Structure formats: structure tokens, C-alpha cells
Amino acid sequence: MTAPVTADEKSLADSRWQRTLDLLSVIGPPLTVATALLVYFGWARTDAQAKAMGLDVSLFGYTVQDFILRSIQSLFQPLAWLAVLGLLGLMADRSVDRLLAADSHRTAVRRAAFVVLAAGFVFAAVMWIVVVSQPDRVLLYVPYYIAAGLVVGAWGLSLRRRATASQDRMLRLGPRGLERSFVFILVTLLLFWGTSDYAQALGRGAAVDYQERSSLLPTAVVYSKDRMAVAAPNVREESLGSDAQPMYRYTGLRLLVVSGGRIFLLNDGWTLAQGRVVVLRDDASVRVEYGNASSR
């Protein structure tokens, strides 16, 4: 038969639920927060790519939907790893709970827990010192390592307390709740920091990828009644019309993207150091023919 819920337990549950609602009211609805994060990480990736190519992200005129789509690659691997590690951590915690149920293992769990909390916090501190000592470098994944160290250390501390169990649960509830809140905030900020660095690294990598694989981009042939005098390397200008009806053709271009009412083109053999990005208005003033990467 199930034991009845006491008034104190009901009051405690209501208090926790109220604190959760208060936190959501301050942070915002989960869908709004998730959308904002998707937009930010998509922007961070695109901004890093644009800067590596010598452009400003505002030139592309991307919409919120564009940034959200561009954030998927930045978030897929971090979220997948977070889910896997979270599942493994939950399985390990339940296994330890079963050991604690047998009093004969309590001492061993307490000693192991001390090693775990010391190793976790020391590792996080060392990684933080590495970051502080090199402020001008982007140390990819280091924020994730710091967050992992904090989580492992906090878990070890929780195990040690559970193995010791020397204080009344109600007396420890307040300090533990505040402690967990600080750990949650720190880990969340570190994950945000690490994912932002990862998204920017993907953006810079995309720019380098354009340099190495620009020959695989679709070819673009531009026709214009007005001479555009494109000075990018390997771009050839041909006059096809007459004095009465001029027409110019530009070849040696590759399509980068069409966005925000503009056409962004790269020259053949484009490089980060010497390449040029040709920007045209996507209107009736020019006609652009696209072809396969192998077509000339």
C-alpha cells in the first residue's frame, strides 16, 4: 500500500514547482530560448566564415530562418555528445545507488567519491588556468573540458555526501539546492562558450573549404549591358554587342550564394589571401547563367 503524502512533502513539492516557474518566467519560455540560441549559433558560424573571406555578415542579408538552418551543423555533434554522456552518467549514478544500498560497499564508495571529486575539480582548475594564461588563443573544446570537470567534481561530492549520510536530509536541502544552482549556471555558460567557439571554428573551416574546393562550385556567366570592370583574378571580360547595343560577358566566376537580393560570386582559383568576392544585384540589370562545376 502506498504511503500517504504528508503536508510537508506536498509543501516542498509545491515550493520546487514554484521556483521552476519563477525561473522560466525570468529566462523565458523554452521555445523562445531555444530559438534565440539557434539564431545566435547560426550567426556566430556565418560571421566567422564571412570575416575569414573578408566580408561582413550583414552583406548576405540572411533571415532568422537562414541562421537557424546554419546552426544545425554547429549544434548536432555537441548535443549528441551531451546526450550520450548524460545517459552514461545517469547509468553510473544508478549503479552507485545500488552499491550504496549494500552497507558493505559504503566505505569504498566514499573513498572513490573523494578521488572523483578531487580529480574533477582539479582538472577543471587546470583547464581554466590554461585558458587564462593564453587569452589571445581560441582553445577549442577547453570550455567543454572545464564543464566536464565541474560536473564530475559535483557528482563526486554528491556521492560522498550520500555515502556519508551523516546529516539530516532536510538540513542539507537548502545548501545543496543553492550549490546545484551555481553548478548549473557555470556549466550552462561553459557549454554556451564552447559551442560558440565550435560554431566559429566551423565557419572558418567553411571558408578554408571554399578555398580548397572552389572548383566544385557551380560556374556562373554574367551578362550585362553596362561594363562592370570586374578586376578579380581569372575573370575574363568579353564585349559581345555593338556601340548602339553594348553587351558584356564575364566568365571565370563561381556561385557562392544568392541571398538578400544579391548574388555573391567567387573568381576561379579563389583563395583567402588573394581571392575576390564579386557582389551583384539580383535584378534585371544583369543576367546570370549557371552551370555544372565541370562545365567551362
C-alpha atoms as a PDB file:
ATOM      1  CA  MET A   1       0.000   0.000   0.000  1.00  0.00           C
ATOM      2  CA  THR A   2       1.346   3.436  -0.965  1.00  0.00           C
ATOM      3  CA  ALA A   3       2.198   5.725   1.951  1.00  0.00           C
ATOM      4  CA  PRO A   4       0.140   8.921   2.058  1.00  0.00           C
ATOM      5  CA  VAL A   5       1.805  12.178   1.085  1.00  0.00           C
ATOM      6  CA  THR A   6       2.402  14.347   4.120  1.00  0.00           C
ATOM      7  CA  ALA A   7       1.710  18.077   4.245  1.00  0.00           C
ATOM      8  CA  ASP A   8       5.419  18.878   4.490  1.00  0.00           C
ATOM      9  CA  GLU A   9       6.234  16.810   1.379  1.00  0.00           C
ATOM     10  CA  LYS A  10       3.402  18.441  -0.555  1.00  0.00           C
ATOM     11  CA  SER A  11       4.560  21.896   0.525  1.00  0.00           C
ATOM     12  CA  LEU A  12       8.141  21.068  -0.532  1.00  0.00           C
ATOM     13  CA  ALA A  13       6.975  19.845  -3.959  1.00  0.00           C
ATOM     14  CA  ASP A  14       4.846  22.954  -4.459  1.00  0.00           C
ATOM     15  CA  SER A  15       7.807  25.135  -3.494  1.00  0.00           C
ATOM     16  CA  ARG A  16      10.076  23.453  -6.038  1.00  0.00           C
ATOM     17  CA  TRP A  17       7.462  23.771  -8.766  1.00  0.00           C
ATOM     18  CA  GLN A  18       7.004  27.446  -7.960  1.00  0.00           C
ATOM     19  CA  ARG A  19      10.766  28.063  -8.123  1.00  0.00           C
ATOM     20  CA  THR A  20      10.843  26.345 -11.526  1.00  0.00           C
ATOM     21  CA  LEU A  21       8.023  28.553 -12.804  1.00  0.00           C
ATOM     22  CA  ASP A  22       9.751  31.656 -11.460  1.00  0.00           C
ATOM     23  CA  LEU A  23      12.984  30.671 -13.235  1.00  0.00           C
ATOM     24  CA  LEU A  24      11.177  30.113 -16.538  1.00  0.00           C
ATOM     25  CA  SER A  25       9.428  33.467 -16.203  1.00  0.00           C
ATOM     26  CA  VAL A  26      12.815  35.163 -15.831  1.00  0.00           C
ATOM     27  CA  ILE A  27      14.659  33.264 -18.578  1.00  0.00           C
ATOM     28  CA  GLY A  28      11.745  32.972 -20.973  1.00  0.00           C
ATOM     29  CA  PRO A  29       9.671  30.155 -22.471  1.00  0.00           C
ATOM     30  CA  PRO A  30      11.813  27.158 -23.526  1.00  0.00           C
ATOM     31  CA  LEU A  31      10.854  27.520 -27.216  1.00  0.00           C
ATOM     32  CA  THR A  32      11.861  31.193 -27.218  1.00  0.00           C
ATOM     33  CA  VAL A  33      15.185  30.428 -25.538  1.00  0.00           C
ATOM     34  CA  ALA A  34      15.891  27.541 -27.948  1.00  0.00           C
ATOM     35  CA  THR A  35      15.124  29.740 -30.968  1.00  0.00           C
ATOM     36  CA  ALA A  36      17.378  32.516 -29.679  1.00  0.00           C
ATOM     37  CA  LEU A  37      20.234  30.046 -29.168  1.00  0.00           C
ATOM     38  CA  LEU A  38      19.782  28.582 -32.642  1.00  0.00           C
ATOM     39  CA  VAL A  39      19.870  32.045 -34.196  1.00  0.00           C
ATOM     40  CA  TYR A  40      22.968  33.045 -32.213  1.00  0.00           C
ATOM     41  CA  PHE A  41      24.997  29.948 -33.053  1.00  0.00           C
ATOM     42  CA  GLY A  42      23.973  30.216 -36.705  1.00  0.00           C
ATOM     43  CA  TRP A  43      25.047  33.853 -36.695  1.00  0.00           C
ATOM     44  CA  ALA A  44      28.356  33.034 -34.962  1.00  0.00           C
ATOM     45  CA  ARG A  45      29.183  30.421 -37.599  1.00  0.00           C
ATOM     46  CA  THR A  46      28.242  32.680 -40.511  1.00  0.00           C
ATOM     47  CA  ASP A  47      30.013  35.716 -39.035  1.00  0.00           C
ATOM     48  CA  ALA A  48      33.275  33.791 -38.616  1.00  0.00           C
ATOM     49  CA  GLN A  49      33.026  32.489 -42.191  1.00  0.00           C
ATOM     50  CA  ALA A  50      32.306  35.963 -43.574  1.00  0.00           C
ATOM     51  CA  LYS A  51      35.230  37.537 -41.715  1.00  0.00           C
ATOM     52  CA  ALA A  52      37.598  34.826 -42.944  1.00  0.00           C
ATOM     53  CA  MET A  53      36.506  35.668 -46.501  1.00  0.00           C
ATOM     54  CA  GLY A  54      36.993  39.404 -45.957  1.00  0.00           C
ATOM     55  CA  LEU A  55      33.261  40.177 -45.765  1.00  0.00           C
ATOM     56  CA  ASP A  56      30.727  41.319 -43.212  1.00  0.00           C
ATOM     57  CA  VAL A  57      27.870  39.016 -42.309  1.00  0.00           C
ATOM     58  CA  SER A  58      25.339  41.810 -42.803  1.00  0.00           C
ATOM     59  CA  LEU A  59      26.096  41.852 -46.547  1.00  0.00           C
ATOM     60  CA  PHE A  60      24.394  38.488 -47.027  1.00  0.00           C
ATOM     61  CA  GLY A  61      21.062  39.694 -45.674  1.00  0.00           C
ATOM     62  CA  TYR A  62      20.311  36.358 -44.014  1.00  0.00           C
ATOM     63  CA  THR A  63      16.979  35.942 -42.264  1.00  0.00           C
ATOM     64  CA  VAL A  64      16.278  34.343 -38.888  1.00  0.00           C
ATOM     65  CA  GLN A  65      15.329  31.120 -40.668  1.00  0.00           C
ATOM     66  CA  ASP A  66      18.659  31.134 -42.535  1.00  0.00           C
ATOM     67  CA  PHE A  67      20.614  31.467 -39.283  1.00  0.00           C
ATOM     68  CA  ILE A  68      18.583  28.669 -37.670  1.00  0.00           C
ATOM     69  CA  LEU A  69      19.314  26.320 -40.587  1.00  0.00           C
ATOM     70  CA  ARG A  70      23.007  27.210 -40.448  1.00  0.00           C
ATOM     71  CA  SER A  71      23.138  26.463 -36.709  1.00  0.00           C
ATOM     72  CA  ILE A  72      22.137  22.799 -37.095  1.00  0.00           C
ATOM     73  CA  GLN A  73      25.636  21.668 -38.032  1.00  0.00           C
ATOM     74  CA  SER A  74      27.073  23.642 -35.110  1.00  0.00           C
ATOM     75  CA  LEU A  75      24.753  22.012 -32.563  1.00  0.00           C
ATOM     76  CA  PHE A  76      24.345  18.454 -33.815  1.00  0.00           C
ATOM     77  CA  GLN A  77      27.603  16.982 -32.515  1.00  0.00           C
ATOM     78  CA  PRO A  78      27.657  18.863 -29.163  1.00  0.00           C
ATOM     79  CA  LEU A  79      24.051  17.858 -28.426  1.00  0.00           C
ATOM     80  CA  ALA A  80      24.677  14.272 -29.451  1.00  0.00           C
ATOM     81  CA  TRP A  81      27.720  14.010 -27.189  1.00  0.00           C
ATOM     82  CA  LEU A  82      25.839  15.723 -24.358  1.00  0.00           C
ATOM     83  CA  ALA A  83      23.001  13.198 -24.646  1.00  0.00           C
ATOM     84  CA  VAL A  84      25.377  10.209 -24.727  1.00  0.00           C
ATOM     85  CA  LEU A  85      27.455  11.426 -21.780  1.00  0.00           C
ATOM     86  CA  GLY A  86      24.322  12.319 -19.832  1.00  0.00           C
ATOM     87  CA  LEU A  87      22.948   8.816 -20.352  1.00  0.00           C
ATOM     88  CA  LEU A  88      26.242   7.219 -19.276  1.00  0.00           C
ATOM     89  CA  GLY A  89      26.356   9.460 -16.214  1.00  0.00           C
ATOM     90  CA  LEU A  90      22.817   8.520 -15.253  1.00  0.00           C
ATOM     91  CA  MET A  91      23.619   4.819 -15.618  1.00  0.00           C
ATOM     92  CA  ALA A  92      26.744   5.208 -13.480  1.00  0.00           C
ATOM     93  CA  ASP A  93      24.826   7.116 -10.800  1.00  0.00           C
ATOM     94  CA  ARG A  94      22.162   4.402 -10.586  1.00  0.00           C
ATOM     95  CA  SER A  95      24.846   1.730 -10.363  1.00  0.00           C
ATOM     96  CA  VAL A  96      26.416   3.553  -7.417  1.00  0.00           C
ATOM     97  CA  ASP A  97      22.995   3.826  -5.765  1.00  0.00           C
ATOM     98  CA  ARG A  98      22.723   0.049  -5.894  1.00  0.00           C
ATOM     99  CA  LEU A  99      26.144  -0.237  -4.247  1.00  0.00           C
ATOM    100  CA  LEU A 100      25.115   2.185  -1.530  1.00  0.00           C
ATOM    101  CA  ALA A 101      22.086   0.038  -0.813  1.00  0.00           C
ATOM    102  CA  ALA A 102      24.528  -2.578   0.449  1.00  0.00           C
ATOM    103  CA  ASP A 103      26.210  -1.150   3.543  1.00  0.00           C
ATOM    104  CA  SER A 104      29.316  -3.253   2.938  1.00  0.00           C
ATOM    105  CA  HIS A 105      30.271  -1.065  -0.056  1.00  0.00           C
ATOM    106  CA  ARG A 106      29.601   2.301   1.578  1.00  0.00           C
ATOM    107  CA  THR A 107      33.191   2.883   2.693  1.00  0.00           C
ATOM    108  CA  ALA A 108      34.635   2.020  -0.724  1.00  0.00           C
ATOM    109  CA  VAL A 109      32.137   4.320  -2.467  1.00  0.00           C
ATOM    110  CA  ARG A 110      33.008   7.152  -0.083  1.00  0.00           C
ATOM    111  CA  ARG A 111      36.726   6.823  -0.820  1.00  0.00           C
ATOM    112  CA  ALA A 112      36.178   6.549  -4.563  1.00  0.00           C
ATOM    113  CA  ALA A 113      33.871   9.549  -4.456  1.00  0.00           C
ATOM    114  CA  PHE A 114      36.614  11.658  -2.850  1.00  0.00           C
ATOM    115  CA  VAL A 115      39.005  10.697  -5.671  1.00  0.00           C
ATOM    116  CA  VAL A 116      36.355  11.558  -8.275  1.00  0.00           C
ATOM    117  CA  LEU A 117      35.506  14.982  -6.814  1.00  0.00           C
ATOM    118  CA  ALA A 118      39.183  15.891  -6.360  1.00  0.00           C
ATOM    119  CA  ALA A 119      40.086  14.793  -9.901  1.00  0.00           C
ATOM    120  CA  GLY A 120      37.120  16.637 -11.417  1.00  0.00           C
ATOM    121  CA  PHE A 121      37.704  19.956  -9.681  1.00  0.00           C
ATOM    122  CA  VAL A 122      41.489  19.839 -10.160  1.00  0.00           C
ATOM    123  CA  PHE A 123      41.066  19.086 -13.872  1.00  0.00           C
ATOM    124  CA  ALA A 124      38.612  21.991 -14.250  1.00  0.00           C
ATOM    125  CA  ALA A 125      41.020  24.322 -12.425  1.00  0.00           C
ATOM    126  CA  VAL A 126      43.965  23.291 -14.616  1.00  0.00           C
ATOM    127  CA  MET A 127      41.950  23.837 -17.792  1.00  0.00           C
ATOM    128  CA  TRP A 128      40.862  27.251 -16.527  1.00  0.00           C
ATOM    129  CA  ILE A 129      44.487  28.200 -15.861  1.00  0.00           C
ATOM    130  CA  VAL A 130      45.335  27.134 -19.426  1.00  0.00           C
ATOM    131  CA  VAL A 131      42.623  29.463 -20.772  1.00  0.00           C
ATOM    132  CA  VAL A 132      43.664  32.411 -18.575  1.00  0.00           C
ATOM    133  CA  SER A 133      47.344  32.008 -19.469  1.00  0.00           C
ATOM    134  CA  GLN A 134      46.579  32.210 -23.217  1.00  0.00           C
ATOM    135  CA  PRO A 135      43.901  34.905 -23.602  1.00  0.00           C
ATOM    136  CA  ASP A 136      44.679  35.561 -27.273  1.00  0.00           C
ATOM    137  CA  ARG A 137      44.163  31.961 -28.403  1.00  0.00           C
ATOM    138  CA  VAL A 138      40.931  30.131 -29.105  1.00  0.00           C
ATOM    139  CA  LEU A 139      41.337  26.793 -27.332  1.00  0.00           C
ATOM    140  CA  LEU A 140      38.681  24.653 -28.952  1.00  0.00           C
ATOM    141  CA  TYR A 141      36.858  22.214 -26.634  1.00  0.00           C
ATOM    142  CA  VAL A 142      38.556  23.568 -23.489  1.00  0.00           C
ATOM    143  CA  PRO A 143      35.284  25.118 -22.189  1.00  0.00           C
ATOM    144  CA  TYR A 144      33.717  21.665 -22.603  1.00  0.00           C
ATOM    145  CA  TYR A 145      36.571  20.153 -20.593  1.00  0.00           C
ATOM    146  CA  ILE A 146      36.055  22.676 -17.790  1.00  0.00           C
ATOM    147  CA  ALA A 147      32.328  21.953 -17.747  1.00  0.00           C
ATOM    148  CA  ALA A 148      33.011  18.206 -17.653  1.00  0.00           C
ATOM    149  CA  GLY A 149      35.416  18.660 -14.749  1.00  0.00           C
ATOM    150  CA  LEU A 150      32.829  20.645 -12.799  1.00  0.00           C
ATOM    151  CA  VAL A 151      30.101  18.072 -13.438  1.00  0.00           C
ATOM    152  CA  VAL A 152      32.365  15.171 -12.440  1.00  0.00           C
ATOM    153  CA  GLY A 153      33.541  17.011  -9.326  1.00  0.00           C
ATOM    154  CA  ALA A 154      29.993  17.918  -8.313  1.00  0.00           C
ATOM    155  CA  TRP A 155      28.910  14.314  -8.873  1.00  0.00           C
ATOM    156  CA  GLY A 156      31.764  13.055  -6.705  1.00  0.00           C
ATOM    157  CA  LEU A 157      30.763  15.490  -3.964  1.00  0.00           C
ATOM    158  CA  SER A 158      27.170  14.261  -4.168  1.00  0.00           C
ATOM    159  CA  LEU A 159      28.312  10.635  -3.949  1.00  0.00           C
ATOM    160  CA  ARG A 160      30.462  11.339  -0.930  1.00  0.00           C
ATOM    161  CA  ARG A 161      27.572  13.005   0.855  1.00  0.00           C
ATOM    162  CA  ARG A 162      25.240  10.149   0.022  1.00  0.00           C
ATOM    163  CA  ALA A 163      27.798   7.602   1.193  1.00  0.00           C
ATOM    164  CA  THR A 164      28.387   9.500   4.431  1.00  0.00           C
ATOM    165  CA  ALA A 165      24.753  10.384   5.150  1.00  0.00           C
ATOM    166  CA  SER A 166      25.680  11.944   8.483  1.00  0.00           C
ATOM    167  CA  GLN A 167      23.301  14.880   8.425  1.00  0.00           C
ATOM    168  CA  ASP A 168      19.565  15.182   8.279  1.00  0.00           C
ATOM    169  CA  ARG A 169      18.230  15.449   4.697  1.00  0.00           C
ATOM    170  CA  MET A 170      16.098  18.479   5.382  1.00  0.00           C
ATOM    171  CA  LEU A 171      19.009  20.387   6.890  1.00  0.00           C
ATOM    172  CA  ARG A 172      21.099  19.760   3.776  1.00  0.00           C
ATOM    173  CA  LEU A 173      18.387  20.585   1.254  1.00  0.00           C
ATOM    174  CA  GLY A 174      18.874  24.382   1.189  1.00  0.00           C
ATOM    175  CA  PRO A 175      22.684  24.471   0.730  1.00  0.00           C
ATOM    176  CA  ARG A 176      22.527  21.674  -1.846  1.00  0.00           C
ATOM    177  CA  GLY A 177      19.863  23.477  -3.864  1.00  0.00           C
ATOM    178  CA  LEU A 178      21.951  26.665  -3.966  1.00  0.00           C
ATOM    179  CA  GLU A 179      25.072  24.672  -4.751  1.00  0.00           C
ATOM    180  CA  ARG A 180      23.414  22.867  -7.642  1.00  0.00           C
ATOM    181  CA  SER A 181      22.089  26.144  -8.983  1.00  0.00           C
ATOM    182  CA  PHE A 182      25.592  27.625  -9.161  1.00  0.00           C
ATOM    183  CA  VAL A 183      26.975  24.477 -10.799  1.00  0.00           C
ATOM    184  CA  PHE A 184      24.123  24.503 -13.325  1.00  0.00           C
ATOM    185  CA  ILE A 185      24.743  28.176 -14.189  1.00  0.00           C
ATOM    186  CA  LEU A 186      28.504  27.663 -14.580  1.00  0.00           C
ATOM    187  CA  VAL A 187      28.109  24.549 -16.714  1.00  0.00           C
ATOM    188  CA  THR A 188      25.477  26.240 -18.898  1.00  0.00           C
ATOM    189  CA  LEU A 189      27.737  29.255 -19.504  1.00  0.00           C
ATOM    190  CA  LEU A 190      30.685  26.994 -20.307  1.00  0.00           C
ATOM    191  CA  LEU A 191      28.614  24.955 -22.766  1.00  0.00           C
ATOM    192  CA  PHE A 192      27.443  28.184 -24.407  1.00  0.00           C
ATOM    193  CA  TRP A 193      31.048  29.404 -24.620  1.00  0.00           C
ATOM    194  CA  GLY A 194      32.316  26.102 -26.028  1.00  0.00           C
ATOM    195  CA  THR A 195      29.525  25.808 -28.592  1.00  0.00           C
ATOM    196  CA  SER A 196      30.098  29.388 -29.719  1.00  0.00           C
ATOM    197  CA  ASP A 197      33.808  28.643 -30.271  1.00  0.00           C
ATOM    198  CA  TYR A 198      32.888  25.433 -32.095  1.00  0.00           C
ATOM    199  CA  ALA A 199      30.423  27.258 -34.362  1.00  0.00           C
ATOM    200  CA  GLN A 200      33.032  29.890 -35.221  1.00  0.00           C
ATOM    201  CA  ALA A 201      35.591  27.188 -35.956  1.00  0.00           C
ATOM    202  CA  LEU A 202      33.109  25.575 -38.343  1.00  0.00           C
ATOM    203  CA  GLY A 203      32.645  28.939 -40.044  1.00  0.00           C
ATOM    204  CA  ARG A 204      36.366  29.447 -40.515  1.00  0.00           C
ATOM    205  CA  GLY A 205      36.637  25.876 -41.726  1.00  0.00           C
ATOM    206  CA  ALA A 206      33.911  26.531 -44.302  1.00  0.00           C
ATOM    207  CA  ALA A 207      35.908  29.489 -45.652  1.00  0.00           C
ATOM    208  CA  VAL A 208      39.008  27.304 -45.973  1.00  0.00           C
ATOM    209  CA  ASP A 209      36.886  24.633 -47.646  1.00  0.00           C
ATOM    210  CA  TYR A 210      35.812  27.154 -50.303  1.00  0.00           C
ATOM    211  CA  GLN A 211      39.493  27.841 -50.954  1.00  0.00           C
ATOM    212  CA  GLU A 212      40.308  24.155 -51.404  1.00  0.00           C
ATOM    213  CA  ARG A 213      37.148  23.193 -53.320  1.00  0.00           C
ATOM    214  CA  SER A 214      36.147  26.334 -55.194  1.00  0.00           C
ATOM    215  CA  SER A 215      36.427  24.417 -58.465  1.00  0.00           C
ATOM    216  CA  LEU A 216      33.435  22.298 -57.385  1.00  0.00           C
ATOM    217  CA  LEU A 217      31.105  25.302 -57.086  1.00  0.00           C
ATOM    218  CA  PRO A 218      28.638  25.953 -59.936  1.00  0.00           C
ATOM    219  CA  THR A 219      30.023  28.067 -62.756  1.00  0.00           C
ATOM    220  CA  ALA A 220      28.481  31.470 -63.390  1.00  0.00           C
ATOM    221  CA  VAL A 221      28.494  33.507 -66.605  1.00  0.00           C
ATOM    222  CA  VAL A 222      27.318  37.096 -66.169  1.00  0.00           C
ATOM    223  CA  TYR A 223      25.824  39.214 -68.970  1.00  0.00           C
ATOM    224  CA  SER A 224      25.403  42.937 -68.506  1.00  0.00           C
ATOM    225  CA  LYS A 225      24.602  45.939 -70.722  1.00  0.00           C
ATOM    226  CA  ASP A 226      26.894  48.070 -68.588  1.00  0.00           C
ATOM    227  CA  ARG A 227      30.575  47.408 -68.237  1.00  0.00           C
ATOM    228  CA  MET A 228      31.260  46.270 -64.671  1.00  0.00           C
ATOM    229  CA  ALA A 229      35.075  46.244 -64.915  1.00  0.00           C
ATOM    230  CA  VAL A 230      35.491  43.251 -62.601  1.00  0.00           C
ATOM    231  CA  ALA A 231      39.154  43.134 -61.567  1.00  0.00           C
ATOM    232  CA  ALA A 232      39.138  39.747 -59.807  1.00  0.00           C
ATOM    233  CA  PRO A 233      41.839  37.275 -60.883  1.00  0.00           C
ATOM    234  CA  ASN A 234      40.963  34.831 -63.702  1.00  0.00           C
ATOM    235  CA  VAL A 235      37.766  36.740 -64.589  1.00  0.00           C
ATOM    236  CA  ARG A 236      37.553  37.454 -68.319  1.00  0.00           C
ATOM    237  CA  GLU A 237      35.551  40.264 -69.893  1.00  0.00           C
ATOM    238  CA  GLU A 238      34.239  39.989 -73.468  1.00  0.00           C
ATOM    239  CA  SER A 239      32.376  42.567 -75.492  1.00  0.00           C
ATOM    240  CA  LEU A 240      29.572  40.927 -77.488  1.00  0.00           C
ATOM    241  CA  GLY A 241      27.401  43.842 -78.561  1.00  0.00           C
ATOM    242  CA  SER A 242      27.806  46.973 -80.627  1.00  0.00           C
ATOM    243  CA  ASP A 243      28.176  50.647 -79.791  1.00  0.00           C
ATOM    244  CA  ALA A 244      24.416  51.080 -80.098  1.00  0.00           C
ATOM    245  CA  GLN A 245      23.587  47.982 -78.058  1.00  0.00           C
ATOM    246  CA  PRO A 246      26.524  47.106 -75.837  1.00  0.00           C
ATOM    247  CA  MET A 247      26.684  43.749 -74.097  1.00  0.00           C
ATOM    248  CA  TYR A 248      29.441  42.408 -71.877  1.00  0.00           C
ATOM    249  CA  ARG A 249      30.063  38.846 -70.784  1.00  0.00           C
ATOM    250  CA  TYR A 250      32.085  37.858 -67.699  1.00  0.00           C
ATOM    251  CA  THR A 251      33.391  34.318 -67.247  1.00  0.00           C
ATOM    252  CA  GLY A 252      35.717  32.673 -64.704  1.00  0.00           C
ATOM    253  CA  LEU A 253      33.219  33.048 -61.866  1.00  0.00           C
ATOM    254  CA  ARG A 254      31.723  30.593 -59.372  1.00  0.00           C
ATOM    255  CA  LEU A 255      28.469  30.898 -57.474  1.00  0.00           C
ATOM    256  CA  LEU A 256      28.860  31.286 -53.709  1.00  0.00           C
ATOM    257  CA  VAL A 257      25.298  32.105 -52.628  1.00  0.00           C
ATOM    258  CA  VAL A 258      22.224  34.113 -53.599  1.00  0.00           C
ATOM    259  CA  SER A 259      20.786  35.943 -50.610  1.00  0.00           C
ATOM    260  CA  GLY A 260      19.305  39.259 -49.572  1.00  0.00           C
ATOM    261  CA  GLY A 261      18.706  40.398 -53.155  1.00  0.00           C
ATOM    262  CA  ARG A 262      22.378  39.928 -54.027  1.00  0.00           C
ATOM    263  CA  ILE A 263      24.442  37.390 -55.953  1.00  0.00           C
ATOM    264  CA  PHE A 264      27.808  36.501 -54.405  1.00  0.00           C
ATOM    265  CA  LEU A 265      30.389  35.125 -56.827  1.00  0.00           C
ATOM    266  CA  LEU A 266      33.958  33.876 -56.397  1.00  0.00           C
ATOM    267  CA  ASN A 267      36.650  34.025 -59.036  1.00  0.00           C
ATOM    268  CA  ASP A 268      38.238  30.839 -60.371  1.00  0.00           C
ATOM    269  CA  GLY A 269      41.158  29.825 -58.158  1.00  0.00           C
ATOM    270  CA  TRP A 270      39.760  31.804 -55.242  1.00  0.00           C
ATOM    271  CA  THR A 271      41.968  31.930 -52.127  1.00  0.00           C
ATOM    272  CA  LEU A 272      41.606  33.559 -48.737  1.00  0.00           C
ATOM    273  CA  ALA A 273      44.702  35.653 -49.332  1.00  0.00           C
ATOM    274  CA  GLN A 274      44.174  36.897 -52.889  1.00  0.00           C
ATOM    275  CA  GLY A 275      40.661  35.972 -53.959  1.00  0.00           C
ATOM    276  CA  ARG A 276      37.806  38.416 -54.504  1.00  0.00           C
ATOM    277  CA  VAL A 277      34.103  38.161 -53.810  1.00  0.00           C
ATOM    278  CA  VAL A 278      32.051  39.775 -56.585  1.00  0.00           C
ATOM    279  CA  VAL A 279      28.679  41.061 -55.355  1.00  0.00           C
ATOM    280  CA  LEU A 280      25.914  41.815 -57.909  1.00  0.00           C
ATOM    281  CA  ARG A 281      22.340  42.963 -57.500  1.00  0.00           C
ATOM    282  CA  ASP A 282      19.899  40.163 -58.218  1.00  0.00           C
ATOM    283  CA  ASP A 283      17.695  42.134 -60.614  1.00  0.00           C
ATOM    284  CA  ALA A 284      17.084  42.727 -64.303  1.00  0.00           C
ATOM    285  CA  SER A 285      20.281  44.744 -64.758  1.00  0.00           C
ATOM    286  CA  VAL A 286      22.294  41.522 -65.121  1.00  0.00           C
ATOM    287  CA  ARG A 287      21.645  38.044 -66.457  1.00  0.00           C
ATOM    288  CA  VAL A 288      23.482  35.117 -64.923  1.00  0.00           C
ATOM    289  CA  GLU A 289      23.816  31.629 -66.410  1.00  0.00           C
ATOM    290  CA  TYR A 290      24.766  28.831 -64.034  1.00  0.00           C
ATOM    291  CA  GLY A 291      26.269  25.505 -64.970  1.00  0.00           C
ATOM    292  CA  ASN A 292      27.821  22.381 -63.533  1.00  0.00           C
ATOM    293  CA  ALA A 293      31.182  22.676 -61.868  1.00  0.00           C
ATOM    294  CA  SER A 294      32.832  20.770 -64.721  1.00  0.00           C
ATOM    295  CA  SER A 295      31.397  23.000 -67.442  1.00  0.00           C
ATOM    296  CA  ARG A 296      33.507  25.803 -68.801  1.00  0.00           C
END
